[in-house]
Amino acid sequence: MKISVFLAACGMMWSIWMTSVMIDYKELIGSWQLVHFDGMEKIVYSPQYQNATPAQRASMDARIKFRLENTVYEFLEGGKLKYIELQDQTIVRKEAKVELSEGNLLLIHDEKGDRLAQIVEFTPDKLVLQPISKNANTGKLIFERIKK
C-alpha cells in the first residue's frame, strides 16, 4: 500500500515537473513514430472486440497496426510539421505550421483549423502528447523518435 502511494506521488511530481520545464522546439526536430494511443485500449477492452469472432478481431487488430505504422510526425525547422493522416483508411500526407508555447502546449495550424495538444512527457527518444479538445477525450499519443 505504501509503495503504491509513493509511486503515485512520484508520478504526480514528475507530471508537474514536466509541465514546468519548457521544451525547446529544436528538441522536437526530427521524425516521430506513433507506438501507442490510449484509444487502442478502449478498442481492445470494448464489448465489440471482446465478443468479436477471431476474424473480426484480426480485422480490428490490423486497423490498429495500420494506424500505428502509418502515423509519423516530422517536425522541421521553422515551425513546420509534416504528418500522415488516415482518411477513410487512405494515407494522406499533410503539412502544418506549429507553435510551441508556455506550458509545453503544441498548437497545430492546418486546413481544418487549429488543434492543441500538451506535451506531457518528453525525452530525447519519447514524446507523449495529450490532445486538448472540448469535443472528446481522445487520450494520450505516445511517439518514439525514429533513429536515422
C-alpha atoms as a PDB file:
ATOM      1  CA  MET A   1       0.000   0.000   0.000  1.00  0.00           C
ATOM      2  CA  LYS A   2       2.747   2.437   0.989  1.00  0.00           C
ATOM      3  CA  ILE A   3       4.680   1.663  -2.196  1.00  0.00           C
ATOM      4  CA  SER A   4       1.687   2.390  -4.454  1.00  0.00           C
ATOM      5  CA  VAL A   5       1.048   5.717  -2.673  1.00  0.00           C
ATOM      6  CA  PHE A   6       4.741   6.563  -3.057  1.00  0.00           C
ATOM      7  CA  LEU A   7       4.704   5.669  -6.773  1.00  0.00           C
ATOM      8  CA  ALA A   8       1.555   7.723  -7.334  1.00  0.00           C
ATOM      9  CA  ALA A   9       3.153  10.716  -5.596  1.00  0.00           C
ATOM     10  CA  CYS A  10       6.309  10.315  -7.691  1.00  0.00           C
ATOM     11  CA  GLY A  11       4.214  10.193 -10.874  1.00  0.00           C
ATOM     12  CA  MET A  12       2.337  13.341  -9.887  1.00  0.00           C
ATOM     13  CA  MET A  13       5.597  15.180  -9.128  1.00  0.00           C
ATOM     14  CA  TRP A  14       7.050  14.039 -12.485  1.00  0.00           C
ATOM     15  CA  SER A  15       3.983  15.373 -14.298  1.00  0.00           C
ATOM     16  CA  ILE A  16       4.183  18.728 -12.508  1.00  0.00           C
ATOM     17  CA  TRP A  17       7.908  18.951 -13.209  1.00  0.00           C
ATOM     18  CA  MET A  18       7.436  18.137 -16.913  1.00  0.00           C
ATOM     19  CA  THR A  19       4.873  20.908 -17.382  1.00  0.00           C
ATOM     20  CA  SER A  20       7.124  23.401 -15.591  1.00  0.00           C
ATOM     21  CA  VAL A  21      10.195  22.599 -17.730  1.00  0.00           C
ATOM     22  CA  MET A  22       9.892  24.357 -21.058  1.00  0.00           C
ATOM     23  CA  ILE A  23      10.862  22.237 -24.034  1.00  0.00           C
ATOM     24  CA  ASP A  24      12.766  23.982 -26.799  1.00  0.00           C
ATOM     25  CA  TYR A  25      11.224  23.441 -30.248  1.00  0.00           C
ATOM     26  CA  LYS A  26      14.669  22.448 -31.581  1.00  0.00           C
ATOM     27  CA  GLU A  27      14.478  19.343 -29.375  1.00  0.00           C
ATOM     28  CA  LEU A  28      11.386  18.185 -31.296  1.00  0.00           C
ATOM     29  CA  ILE A  29      13.013  18.437 -34.729  1.00  0.00           C
ATOM     30  CA  GLY A  30      13.103  15.018 -36.356  1.00  0.00           C
ATOM     31  CA  SER A  31      10.730  12.168 -37.102  1.00  0.00           C
ATOM     32  CA  TRP A  32       8.481  10.541 -34.504  1.00  0.00           C
ATOM     33  CA  GLN A  33       6.608   7.227 -34.904  1.00  0.00           C
ATOM     34  CA  LEU A  34       3.328   6.616 -33.064  1.00  0.00           C
ATOM     35  CA  VAL A  35       3.777   3.483 -30.938  1.00  0.00           C
ATOM     36  CA  HIS A  36       0.697   3.640 -28.695  1.00  0.00           C
ATOM     37  CA  PHE A  37      -2.512   5.580 -28.287  1.00  0.00           C
ATOM     38  CA  ASP A  38      -4.996   5.266 -25.452  1.00  0.00           C
ATOM     39  CA  GLY A  39      -7.772   4.592 -27.961  1.00  0.00           C
ATOM     40  CA  MET A  40      -6.172   1.184 -28.593  1.00  0.00           C
ATOM     41  CA  GLU A  41      -7.011   0.094 -25.063  1.00  0.00           C
ATOM     42  CA  LYS A  42     -10.589   1.327 -25.394  1.00  0.00           C
ATOM     43  CA  ILE A  43     -10.977  -0.792 -28.527  1.00  0.00           C
ATOM     44  CA  VAL A  44      -9.355  -3.929 -27.090  1.00  0.00           C
ATOM     45  CA  TYR A  45     -11.404  -3.781 -23.883  1.00  0.00           C
ATOM     46  CA  SER A  46     -14.651  -2.860 -25.619  1.00  0.00           C
ATOM     47  CA  PRO A  47     -17.555  -5.337 -25.757  1.00  0.00           C
ATOM     48  CA  GLN A  48     -17.410  -5.249 -29.564  1.00  0.00           C
ATOM     49  CA  TYR A  49     -13.808  -6.509 -29.503  1.00  0.00           C
ATOM     50  CA  GLN A  50     -14.282  -8.934 -26.627  1.00  0.00           C
ATOM     51  CA  ASN A  51     -17.342 -10.524 -28.262  1.00  0.00           C
ATOM     52  CA  ALA A  52     -15.943 -10.487 -31.789  1.00  0.00           C
ATOM     53  CA  THR A  53     -15.157 -13.546 -33.832  1.00  0.00           C
ATOM     54  CA  PRO A  54     -11.474 -14.316 -34.451  1.00  0.00           C
ATOM     55  CA  ALA A  55     -11.809 -12.869 -37.964  1.00  0.00           C
ATOM     56  CA  GLN A  56     -13.373  -9.650 -36.659  1.00  0.00           C
ATOM     57  CA  ARG A  57     -10.661  -9.302 -34.009  1.00  0.00           C
ATOM     58  CA  ALA A  58      -7.977  -9.835 -36.626  1.00  0.00           C
ATOM     59  CA  SER A  59      -9.545  -7.064 -38.712  1.00  0.00           C
ATOM     60  CA  MET A  60      -9.599  -4.666 -35.740  1.00  0.00           C
ATOM     61  CA  ASP A  61      -6.002  -5.581 -34.846  1.00  0.00           C
ATOM     62  CA  ALA A  62      -4.945  -4.938 -38.440  1.00  0.00           C
ATOM     63  CA  ARG A  63      -6.542  -1.470 -38.385  1.00  0.00           C
ATOM     64  CA  ILE A  64      -4.752  -0.619 -35.125  1.00  0.00           C
ATOM     65  CA  LYS A  65      -1.446  -1.837 -36.558  1.00  0.00           C
ATOM     66  CA  PHE A  66      -2.057   0.127 -39.777  1.00  0.00           C
ATOM     67  CA  ARG A  67      -2.662   3.312 -37.798  1.00  0.00           C
ATOM     68  CA  LEU A  68       0.475   2.836 -35.696  1.00  0.00           C
ATOM     69  CA  GLU A  69       2.691   2.048 -38.677  1.00  0.00           C
ATOM     70  CA  ASN A  70       1.409   4.982 -40.699  1.00  0.00           C
ATOM     71  CA  THR A  71       1.343   7.763 -38.121  1.00  0.00           C
ATOM     72  CA  VAL A  72       4.589   9.709 -38.255  1.00  0.00           C
ATOM     73  CA  TYR A  73       5.142  13.324 -37.190  1.00  0.00           C
ATOM     74  CA  GLU A  74       8.134  15.079 -38.717  1.00  0.00           C
ATOM     75  CA  PHE A  75       8.999  18.358 -37.008  1.00  0.00           C
ATOM     76  CA  LEU A  76      11.029  20.629 -39.283  1.00  0.00           C
ATOM     77  CA  GLU A  77      12.985  23.860 -38.856  1.00  0.00           C
ATOM     78  CA  GLY A  78      10.853  26.982 -38.953  1.00  0.00           C
ATOM     79  CA  GLY A  79       7.898  25.567 -37.027  1.00  0.00           C
ATOM     80  CA  LYS A  80       6.676  23.195 -39.731  1.00  0.00           C
ATOM     81  CA  LEU A  81       5.152  19.785 -39.212  1.00  0.00           C
ATOM     82  CA  LYS A  82       4.747  17.110 -41.861  1.00  0.00           C
ATOM     83  CA  TYR A  83       2.480  14.276 -40.870  1.00  0.00           C
ATOM     84  CA  ILE A  84       0.377  11.470 -42.206  1.00  0.00           C
ATOM     85  CA  GLU A  85      -3.337  11.380 -41.544  1.00  0.00           C
ATOM     86  CA  LEU A  86      -5.661   8.492 -42.244  1.00  0.00           C
ATOM     87  CA  GLN A  87      -8.830   9.445 -44.075  1.00  0.00           C
ATOM     88  CA  ASP A  88     -11.164   6.530 -44.832  1.00  0.00           C
ATOM     89  CA  GLN A  89      -8.228   4.108 -44.466  1.00  0.00           C
ATOM     90  CA  THR A  90      -6.277   6.123 -47.044  1.00  0.00           C
ATOM     91  CA  ILE A  91      -2.899   7.635 -46.205  1.00  0.00           C
ATOM     92  CA  VAL A  92      -2.788  11.394 -46.790  1.00  0.00           C
ATOM     93  CA  ARG A  93       0.408  13.426 -46.287  1.00  0.00           C
ATOM     94  CA  LYS A  94      -0.218  16.818 -44.714  1.00  0.00           C
ATOM     95  CA  GLU A  95       1.776  19.840 -43.678  1.00  0.00           C
ATOM     96  CA  ALA A  96       1.010  22.305 -40.908  1.00  0.00           C
ATOM     97  CA  LYS A  97       2.517  25.220 -39.067  1.00  0.00           C
ATOM     98  CA  VAL A  98       3.209  24.559 -35.373  1.00  0.00           C
ATOM     99  CA  GLU A  99       3.901  26.702 -32.346  1.00  0.00           C
ATOM    100  CA  LEU A 100       5.252  25.554 -29.007  1.00  0.00           C
ATOM    101  CA  SER A 101       4.155  27.843 -26.190  1.00  0.00           C
ATOM    102  CA  GLU A 102       4.387  28.118 -22.422  1.00  0.00           C
ATOM    103  CA  GLY A 103       3.245  25.028 -20.573  1.00  0.00           C
ATOM    104  CA  ASN A 104       4.574  22.912 -23.465  1.00  0.00           C
ATOM    105  CA  LEU A 105       1.410  23.479 -25.459  1.00  0.00           C
ATOM    106  CA  LEU A 106       1.707  22.500 -29.099  1.00  0.00           C
ATOM    107  CA  LEU A 107      -0.599  24.456 -31.388  1.00  0.00           C
ATOM    108  CA  ILE A 108      -1.031  22.907 -34.839  1.00  0.00           C
ATOM    109  CA  HIS A 109      -2.410  25.149 -37.596  1.00  0.00           C
ATOM    110  CA  ASP A 110      -3.715  23.166 -40.583  1.00  0.00           C
ATOM    111  CA  GLU A 111      -6.506  23.429 -43.147  1.00  0.00           C
ATOM    112  CA  LYS A 112      -9.062  22.039 -40.662  1.00  0.00           C
ATOM    113  CA  GLY A 113      -8.262  24.794 -38.164  1.00  0.00           C
ATOM    114  CA  ASP A 114      -6.223  24.872 -35.004  1.00  0.00           C
ATOM    115  CA  ARG A 115      -5.595  21.827 -32.842  1.00  0.00           C
ATOM    116  CA  LEU A 116      -3.999  21.891 -29.416  1.00  0.00           C
ATOM    117  CA  ALA A 117      -2.021  19.263 -27.510  1.00  0.00           C
ATOM    118  CA  GLN A 118       0.060  19.358 -24.382  1.00  0.00           C
ATOM    119  CA  ILE A 119       3.421  17.633 -24.242  1.00  0.00           C
ATOM    120  CA  VAL A 120       3.028  15.690 -21.002  1.00  0.00           C
ATOM    121  CA  GLU A 121       6.275  13.745 -21.253  1.00  0.00           C
ATOM    122  CA  PHE A 122       9.410  14.327 -23.262  1.00  0.00           C
ATOM    123  CA  THR A 123      12.838  12.722 -23.509  1.00  0.00           C
ATOM    124  CA  PRO A 124      15.193  12.739 -26.498  1.00  0.00           C
ATOM    125  CA  ASP A 125      13.580   9.463 -27.630  1.00  0.00           C
ATOM    126  CA  LYS A 126       9.974   9.695 -26.356  1.00  0.00           C
ATOM    127  CA  LEU A 127       7.186  12.226 -26.912  1.00  0.00           C
ATOM    128  CA  VAL A 128       3.805  11.929 -25.207  1.00  0.00           C
ATOM    129  CA  LEU A 129       1.019  14.225 -26.404  1.00  0.00           C
ATOM    130  CA  GLN A 130      -2.333  14.788 -24.729  1.00  0.00           C
ATOM    131  CA  PRO A 131      -4.749  16.304 -27.265  1.00  0.00           C
ATOM    132  CA  ILE A 132      -6.883  19.074 -25.810  1.00  0.00           C
ATOM    133  CA  SER A 133     -10.391  19.184 -27.227  1.00  0.00           C
ATOM    134  CA  LYS A 134     -13.785  20.226 -25.952  1.00  0.00           C
ATOM    135  CA  ASN A 135     -15.472  17.518 -28.029  1.00  0.00           C
ATOM    136  CA  ALA A 136     -13.844  14.345 -26.742  1.00  0.00           C
ATOM    137  CA  ASN A 137     -11.185  12.860 -24.512  1.00  0.00           C
ATOM    138  CA  THR A 138      -9.022  11.082 -27.055  1.00  0.00           C
ATOM    139  CA  GLY A 139      -6.305  10.032 -24.634  1.00  0.00           C
ATOM    140  CA  LYS A 140      -2.555  10.204 -24.914  1.00  0.00           C
ATOM    141  CA  LEU A 141      -0.466   9.578 -28.016  1.00  0.00           C
ATOM    142  CA  ILE A 142       2.976   8.063 -27.433  1.00  0.00           C
ATOM    143  CA  PHE A 143       5.673   8.577 -30.055  1.00  0.00           C
ATOM    144  CA  GLU A 144       9.234   7.301 -30.295  1.00  0.00           C
ATOM    145  CA  ARG A 145      11.956   9.122 -32.200  1.00  0.00           C
ATOM    146  CA  ILE A 146      12.897   7.450 -35.471  1.00  0.00           C
ATOM    147  CA  LYS A 147      16.653   6.963 -35.474  1.00  0.00           C
ATOM    148  CA  LYS A 148      18.412   7.646 -38.756  1.00  0.00           C
END
